[in-house]
Amino acid sequence: MIKKFLFSVAIFSTLAINAQQSFSGLNTSQYGGMYKGTTNPANFVDGMTRFAINVASVDASFGNNKMGINFDLKKSFNEFTSQVSSHNDINANINVDVLGPSFYFHVGRKNAFAFTSRARVFMNARDIDAKVLESFLVNSNELNLSPAGYSFNLDRQSISANAFSEFAFTWSRLLAKTSNHSFKAGLTAKFVRGAISSYAGFSEINGNIKAKLIENNNDVIVNIDVQGNQNAEFLLSNGGVNITKNPNFSDILKPQASALGFDLGFVYEYRKEGCPSCTTTPYDLKLGLSFTDIGRLKYSVSDDSQRYSLNVGNHNINLSDIQKSMDESVFVSKTSLKGSSITSSLPTSLRLNADVRVTGPIFVDVSANFNITNTSKVYNSYYASGLVVTPRVEWKYVGFYLPVSTAVGMGTNVGTAVRLGPLFIGSRSIVSNLLSKNAKQLNVFGGLQFEI
C-alpha cells in the first residue's frame, strides 16, 4: 500500500508539473518575477519590472535529520544503514513545488495584479528506520538484506502526504511614497483544491514487540512478532483520492476538497538617492513581512480507511500492499473509519526578510521562515522553520546567487543558482552535496519566465 501511496503522490507531482523556502535566491530578487510573490504578495508592485509571465517552474527536494546524502541516494542509504548505531529516528520529507502558467502586470504606478497557478506535494516520514525508508525507493534486491533479515524498532513510525493545487489572485498597492521611502502591501486570495491527505503509521507500541525486514520473492516483508499480552495499532487513513486503489489521472485532477486561502504581505523600501523612477533605481534596503498559506482543507475519509490492532502472534506484512496483508491476517482486528473527516491545514508561515544593497549590483538577503502550523497534527502540511542568507550579484538579464540555508532538523546547506535571461536553474544544497558527506538535503529547482 505504501508503495502505491508513494506512486500516487509521484503521479500527482508529474501531472502538476517544504520543507523549506522554494526557489531560494529568486524569491526575494528584484528580478524574481512571479517567485517573489510566492513569499510576499506586496513584492509585485512598484519594482524594477512592470510585467512578468511564468511558463513553468519546479522546485523539488528531499531532506532528513540524520543521514548525509548526495546525488547517489542508494549509496547514501547503504553507507548509513551499515553503521552499528540505531537508525529508527529519521524524520524525512519529500517536497515538490510547481509554479504553472502565471503572470502579473501593473495598472498605473500604484497598483499591480497577478494570477498564479501552483501545485504542491508534501510527504513526511516520522521516526522511521532508514532501511525501511530505503525499501520504498529502491528494488528489494538492492537492499542488501542478510538471510536472517534486518532487525529494527517499530516505535511510532509513520508516513503522511498532502497534495493540493491552487489558483490565486493578487492585488498589490503602493500605499505611500516619498523621494527616499516607499511602503506597499499585497493581498492574495487563492482557491485551493485538495487532492490527497493521507496517513499510515503505527502507534500505541508497548512491551515486547520485535520487527525485521526480510526479502521474499522480490517483495519486502515486515515481520512483526507480538509477544505476551501486548498490542500494536496501525492506522491507515485516506482523505480525498483513494490512493490504495490505483487512481486514474482524472481522479487526481478532480478537487476532493476545496477551500479559500490567503496571503498577506507588507514591504518597506529605502533609496539613498531618491527614486525619480523606481524602474531604474534599485533600493538600498528592503524589509518584508508576510503571512502565507492561511487556510485549511476538509476531506471525507475513504471507505477503506481502517484502524488495525495487531494482537498476539507473528505477522508478515508485505510493504507493496500493507492493507491486503492486514485484512488477510487472522491475528488482526480492524475498526472502520468510514464517515469521519480529515482537516488538513495549509502550510501557514510567517516570513520576514531584509535585503541590503552592498554596492552596485551586489546584494545580500536574509530571509526567515517561521512555521505556525501545528506539527503535532499528522494531517497538516508545513514548511520547516529556517533561515536563508543569499549573497547575489544581478543585473536585468543575468544573476548569480549563493543561498546558504539552515532549517530545523536539517543543518546548514550551501547551494547556488544562475539566471540567464528567461531561464534559471539552481539548488540550495548542491555545494554541500558535492563537498560534504554530511549534507542533510538534496534540492534542485529551475524554470522559464519572462519579465519586462
Foldseek 3Di string as FASTA:
>chain_A
DVLLVVVVLVLLLVVQLPQAQFPPPLLCDLQNFVSVCQQFVQSQALTLFFKKKFAKKKKKKKFKQFWFDFPPRLVRLVVVVVDPDAQQFIKMKIKMKMWHIKMKGDDPRWKIKIKTKIKMKIKIKGSGGSLVVVPSVDWPVSSPADQVFAKHDQAKIKMWMWIKIKIKMKMKGFDDDDQWKTKIKMKMKIKMFTAKTWMKIKDQFDDDKIWGWDDDPRFIKIKIADDDFGKMKIWTWIFHDPSLPNDDPVSRPDRQWIDMWMKIKMKMFGAPRTPPDNNPGPTQKMKMKMKGQFDKIKTFIDFLTKMKMQGHDMAIATPVRRSVSQVPDPRIDIDTPHPDMDMEGEAIWIKIKMKGDPDDQKIKMKMWIGGPDDVVRPRYGHHFTKIWIWIKGDDNAKIKIWIWMQGVSFGIAIKIKIGGAQKIKMFRHNVCSVPHSRGRMGMIMIGGMHTD
